[in-house]
Every structure is written in structure tokens, then in C-alpha cells.
Amino acid sequence: LESEPDFVPGLVNLANCHTEVDDTASALACFKRALSCEGGQQFEVHGNYAMLCMEQQAAGGTLPGGVSYRREATAHFAAALSLQPSWFDGHYNLANLALDDDDEVTATRHYRAALALEPGDVDAHTNYAVCCQQAGDLSAALHHCNSALQLSGAGAGPGANPRPEFNLANCLLLSGNRPDAIVHALAADRLCNGPSSIKKGQSSGGGEGRSGGGVNPPAQRP
């Protein structure tokens, strides 16, 4: 970079190195510089920058100038997808951001796109089930809850992700099937490997809590 300051791959790699050591300010500066450059690898720039902003928005705060990390992440996931529409992680993370904003229409579009690319992804089924539940489509929510549970391995032992069981219990309860809801709620609680801890609006698995179910964390960097 000393001999070629606008070398985009070098800027992206340096930004990711800064991110690994929690030097967010330096990482942001590298990404901003890379975004101002012409040339290739813009998909990687937008994608990695979006992931950094998504990680930072969970901790609160804003970018210089008062722009929210959430808004910036949304914009750059969209930019990355415009360059590579088949990027599963981009669709998955945009869907999660939209769901957090209660925008079920946008979330649905990107969850469907993500599942079209990777139909066996447990997290996408789990989170899309929450989206369907919030939108009032319990039939679709139950379908994706069951898909997530089957894909994650029904009857898995302690330490397995309890969210599919927990979300299925929630959907069953809302649909009026209390006996089966109790069965799956107890299964989720057993997976937590501790005393009873299931509460409405809280993910038993330690992820981000939402009223009506637990949402899995963001996907990784491109």
C-alpha cells in the first residue's frame, strides 16, 4: 500500500486485519478508502464493510457524521448483492436487518432468496419462521420451524441449538396446539442444559431475543 495506496485488495485485507484486533476506526478508514477507488473487488469491499457495520450496530453508536451502522450495513449489503445476486450471506443478513425493523415484506423477499440458494440452511429456516409468525402466517411459520428442526437433527443432545424447538413451541402455542407446544418447549429447555429459562421474547439459545421466537446470528464475511 505504500507503493500503491489505492490497491483495493490490500485495503480490504488490511481492513479485515484491523477488524480482527478490534481496531474499528482503522478498519472503517480502510473500507472508506477502498470504496472511493475504482477497479475490481467492489463486491468484497461492500460485503466486508457491510458485515463490519452489522457487527458494530449491535454495540450501538453511529458512524462519523451520525449515520447509523444499521443504515450503512443495509445499504452496502444491497450494493454487494447488486454485484453478486447469488450471495447467500447478503440475502440472509439483509433479511435479518429488515426483520429487526419489523419490515416483514423485505425480510420475506431476502429469506426466500437465501433459501432458494441454500435450502438446507437451518438458520435461514429458523429466522424466516419468526418472520412468518410476525406477519401472521402461522402455517408457513410452522412449515419452516419443522424444516429447521428436521435439518438440525430432531432429538439432538445437550449443547445443540434450542431455537428450532423453542420457535416451534411458540408457533404451536399460537395455533392452539398447547400439548405439542409444551413438548417442544420442554425439549428446548433441556437443550439449554439448565433450569427452566424459556420466556416469551427471549431466545433460549442466547441469541437475539424477539417477541415470538429466537433469531439466529448473522452470517460470516464473504
Protein backbone atom coordinates (compact mmCIF):
# COMPACT_ATOMS: atom_id res chain seq x y z
CA LEU A 1 0.00 0.00 0.00
CA GLU A 2 2.96 2.33 0.44
CA SER A 3 3.80 2.00 -3.26
CA GLU A 4 0.15 1.65 -4.42
CA PRO A 5 -2.19 3.39 -1.93
CA ASP A 6 -5.33 2.61 -3.94
CA PHE A 7 -4.71 -1.16 -4.23
CA VAL A 8 -8.21 -2.36 -3.31
CA PRO A 9 -7.40 -5.99 -2.33
CA GLY A 10 -4.69 -4.70 0.00
CA LEU A 11 -7.07 -2.19 1.58
CA VAL A 12 -9.71 -4.89 2.14
CA ASN A 13 -7.19 -7.26 3.71
CA LEU A 14 -5.80 -4.51 5.92
CA ALA A 15 -9.33 -3.53 6.98
CA ASN A 16 -10.11 -7.12 7.94
CA CYS A 17 -6.86 -7.31 9.92
CA HIS A 18 -7.87 -4.18 11.84
CA THR A 19 -11.29 -5.73 12.46
CA GLU A 20 -9.70 -8.88 13.90
CA VAL A 21 -7.91 -6.82 16.56
CA ASP A 22 -10.98 -4.66 17.27
CA ASP A 23 -9.49 -1.54 15.70
CA THR A 24 -12.81 -0.44 14.20
CA ALA A 25 -11.74 3.13 13.40
CA SER A 26 -8.82 1.96 11.26
CA ALA A 27 -10.95 -0.73 9.59
CA LEU A 28 -13.59 1.84 8.69
CA ALA A 29 -10.96 4.16 7.26
CA CYS A 30 -9.58 1.38 5.04
CA PHE A 31 -13.02 0.39 3.80
CA LYS A 32 -13.96 4.00 3.06
CA ARG A 33 -10.75 4.43 1.11
CA ALA A 34 -11.39 1.20 -0.81
CA LEU A 35 -14.94 2.29 -1.61
CA SER A 36 -13.64 5.52 -3.13
CA CYS A 37 -11.33 3.63 -5.50
CA GLU A 38 -12.17 2.49 -8.99
CA GLY A 39 -11.47 -1.04 -10.09
CA GLY A 40 -12.34 -4.60 -9.21
CA GLN A 41 -13.22 -6.37 -5.98
CA GLN A 42 -16.01 -3.90 -5.13
CA PHE A 43 -18.23 -6.82 -4.14
CA GLU A 44 -15.71 -7.81 -1.46
CA VAL A 45 -15.45 -4.19 -0.30
CA HIS A 46 -19.20 -3.71 0.05
CA GLY A 47 -19.72 -7.14 1.59
CA ASN A 48 -16.99 -6.93 4.20
CA TYR A 49 -17.84 -3.33 5.06
CA ALA A 50 -21.50 -4.29 5.49
CA MET A 51 -20.51 -7.12 7.84
CA LEU A 52 -18.39 -4.76 9.95
CA CYS A 53 -21.25 -2.25 10.19
CA MET A 54 -23.67 -5.01 11.14
CA GLU A 55 -21.37 -6.18 13.91
CA GLN A 56 -20.94 -2.63 15.19
CA GLN A 57 -24.63 -1.76 15.20
CA ALA A 58 -25.22 -4.40 17.86
CA ALA A 59 -22.96 -2.41 20.18
CA GLY A 60 -24.77 0.86 19.47
CA GLY A 61 -23.23 4.15 18.42
CA THR A 62 -23.02 5.72 14.99
CA LEU A 63 -20.54 6.36 12.24
CA PRO A 64 -18.83 9.76 11.95
CA GLY A 65 -21.48 12.17 10.71
CA GLY A 66 -24.24 10.50 12.68
CA VAL A 67 -25.11 7.79 10.13
CA SER A 68 -26.32 4.64 11.87
CA TYR A 69 -24.38 1.40 11.44
CA ARG A 70 -27.66 -0.36 10.64
CA ARG A 71 -28.45 2.01 7.78
CA GLU A 72 -24.93 1.68 6.42
CA ALA A 73 -24.99 -2.13 6.67
CA THR A 74 -28.31 -2.28 4.84
CA ALA A 75 -27.06 -0.04 2.03
CA HIS A 76 -23.85 -1.96 1.48
CA PHE A 77 -25.39 -5.43 1.67
CA ALA A 78 -27.73 -4.21 -1.06
CA ALA A 79 -24.78 -2.85 -3.06
CA ALA A 80 -22.92 -6.14 -2.73
CA LEU A 81 -25.99 -8.08 -3.87
CA SER A 82 -26.38 -5.83 -6.90
CA LEU A 83 -22.92 -7.05 -7.94
CA GLN A 84 -23.40 -10.68 -6.92
CA PRO A 85 -27.11 -11.59 -6.55
CA SER A 86 -26.31 -15.19 -5.65
CA TRP A 87 -24.56 -14.24 -2.37
CA PHE A 88 -26.45 -16.22 0.27
CA ASP A 89 -25.00 -14.34 3.27
CA GLY A 90 -26.04 -11.00 1.81
CA HIS A 91 -29.66 -12.07 1.45
CA TYR A 92 -29.65 -13.71 4.89
CA ASN A 93 -28.21 -10.68 6.66
CA LEU A 94 -30.40 -8.18 4.83
CA ALA A 95 -33.40 -10.28 5.83
CA ASN A 96 -32.29 -10.22 9.47
CA LEU A 97 -31.87 -6.43 9.41
CA ALA A 98 -35.30 -5.98 7.83
CA LEU A 99 -36.87 -8.31 10.39
CA ASP A 100 -35.33 -6.29 13.20
CA ASP A 101 -37.04 -3.24 11.69
CA ASP A 102 -40.37 -5.13 11.50
CA ASP A 103 -40.25 -4.95 7.70
CA GLU A 104 -41.60 -8.44 7.04
CA VAL A 105 -42.09 -7.76 3.31
CA THR A 106 -38.40 -7.05 2.68
CA ALA A 107 -37.34 -9.78 5.12
CA THR A 108 -39.53 -12.33 3.33
CA ARG A 109 -38.05 -11.45 -0.05
CA HIS A 110 -34.50 -11.97 1.15
CA TYR A 111 -35.19 -15.07 3.27
CA ARG A 112 -36.82 -16.67 0.22
CA ALA A 113 -33.83 -15.72 -1.92
CA ALA A 114 -31.45 -17.12 0.69
CA LEU A 115 -33.38 -20.40 0.94
CA ALA A 116 -33.52 -20.71 -2.84
CA LEU A 117 -29.71 -20.61 -2.77
CA GLU A 118 -29.25 -22.84 0.28
CA PRO A 119 -32.48 -24.74 1.04
CA GLY A 120 -30.80 -26.72 3.81
CA ASP A 121 -29.69 -23.76 5.92
CA VAL A 122 -31.09 -24.16 9.44
CA ASP A 123 -30.63 -20.53 10.47
CA ALA A 124 -32.50 -19.22 7.43
CA HIS A 125 -35.44 -21.54 8.09
CA THR A 126 -35.39 -20.62 11.80
CA ASN A 127 -35.40 -16.87 11.20
CA TYR A 128 -37.86 -17.00 8.33
CA ALA A 129 -40.24 -18.88 10.63
CA VAL A 130 -40.09 -15.93 13.04
CA CYS A 131 -40.75 -13.57 10.13
CA CYS A 132 -43.79 -15.58 9.01
CA GLN A 133 -45.08 -15.69 12.57
CA GLN A 134 -44.79 -11.91 12.93
CA ALA A 135 -46.58 -11.48 9.61
CA GLY A 136 -49.43 -13.67 10.89
CA ASP A 137 -48.78 -16.62 8.58
CA LEU A 138 -48.71 -19.43 11.15
CA SER A 139 -48.95 -22.16 8.51
CA ALA A 140 -45.72 -21.00 6.83
CA ALA A 141 -44.11 -20.42 10.23
CA LEU A 142 -44.87 -24.00 11.29
CA HIS A 143 -43.51 -25.31 8.00
CA HIS A 144 -40.18 -23.52 8.42
CA CYS A 145 -39.97 -24.36 12.13
CA ASN A 146 -40.37 -28.04 11.26
CA SER A 147 -37.84 -27.74 8.44
CA ALA A 148 -35.30 -26.15 10.79
CA LEU A 149 -35.90 -28.85 13.40
CA GLN A 150 -35.50 -31.69 10.90
CA LEU A 151 -32.36 -30.18 9.39
CA SER A 152 -30.79 -29.55 12.80
CA GLY A 153 -31.42 -33.14 13.86
CA ALA A 154 -34.51 -33.80 15.95
CA GLY A 155 -33.64 -35.21 19.34
CA ALA A 156 -30.12 -33.77 19.41
CA GLY A 157 -28.45 -33.82 22.80
CA PRO A 158 -27.48 -31.01 25.20
CA GLY A 159 -25.46 -28.29 23.53
CA ALA A 160 -27.48 -28.35 20.31
CA ASN A 161 -29.18 -25.17 19.17
CA PRO A 162 -32.52 -24.92 21.05
CA ARG A 163 -34.02 -22.22 18.82
CA PRO A 164 -35.79 -24.57 16.36
CA GLU A 165 -37.51 -26.35 19.26
CA PHE A 166 -38.32 -23.08 21.02
CA ASN A 167 -39.73 -21.39 17.92
CA LEU A 168 -41.81 -24.44 17.04
CA ALA A 169 -43.23 -24.44 20.57
CA ASN A 170 -44.16 -20.77 20.15
CA CYS A 171 -45.91 -21.38 16.82
CA LEU A 172 -47.78 -24.40 18.12
CA LEU A 173 -48.98 -22.44 21.13
CA LEU A 174 -50.21 -19.60 18.93
CA SER A 175 -52.01 -22.08 16.67
CA GLY A 176 -53.83 -23.53 19.69
CA ASN A 177 -51.89 -26.80 19.97
CA ARG A 178 -50.89 -26.47 23.61
CA PRO A 179 -49.96 -30.15 24.27
CA ASP A 180 -47.40 -30.31 21.45
CA ALA A 181 -46.18 -26.79 22.30
CA ILE A 182 -45.33 -27.98 25.82
CA VAL A 183 -43.44 -30.99 24.41
CA HIS A 184 -41.23 -28.80 22.25
CA ALA A 185 -40.80 -26.10 24.91
CA LEU A 186 -39.51 -28.76 27.31
CA ALA A 187 -37.22 -30.12 24.60
CA ALA A 188 -35.81 -26.61 24.07
CA ASP A 189 -35.29 -26.19 27.79
CA ARG A 190 -33.42 -29.50 28.02
CA LEU A 191 -31.08 -28.34 25.25
CA CYS A 192 -30.28 -25.27 27.33
CA ASN A 193 -28.82 -27.71 29.86
CA GLY A 194 -30.07 -25.77 32.85
CA PRO A 195 -33.14 -24.81 34.90
CA SER A 196 -36.32 -23.66 33.23
CA SER A 197 -35.49 -20.50 31.29
CA ILE A 198 -37.97 -20.18 28.42
CA LYS A 199 -39.71 -16.81 28.35
CA LYS A 200 -41.67 -15.02 25.71
CA GLY A 201 -39.50 -12.67 23.70
CA GLN A 202 -36.26 -14.33 24.70
CA SER A 203 -34.18 -16.83 22.78
CA SER A 204 -33.27 -19.80 24.94
CA GLY A 205 -30.08 -20.20 22.97
CA GLY A 206 -28.55 -16.89 23.94
CA GLY A 207 -29.12 -15.25 20.58
CA GLU A 208 -31.00 -12.11 19.82
CA GLY A 209 -34.40 -12.23 21.52
CA ARG A 210 -37.59 -11.30 19.70
CA SER A 211 -41.22 -11.48 20.70
CA GLY A 212 -42.43 -14.73 19.22
CA GLY A 213 -39.12 -16.51 18.73
CA GLY A 214 -35.36 -16.57 18.71
CA VAL A 215 -33.36 -15.29 15.75
CA ASN A 216 -30.01 -16.75 14.82
CA PRO A 217 -26.88 -14.58 14.42
CA PRO A 218 -25.57 -13.04 11.21
CA ALA A 219 -23.67 -14.99 8.60
CA GLN A 220 -19.95 -14.55 8.12
CA ARG A 221 -17.83 -12.37 5.88
CA PRO A 222 -17.53 -13.01 2.13
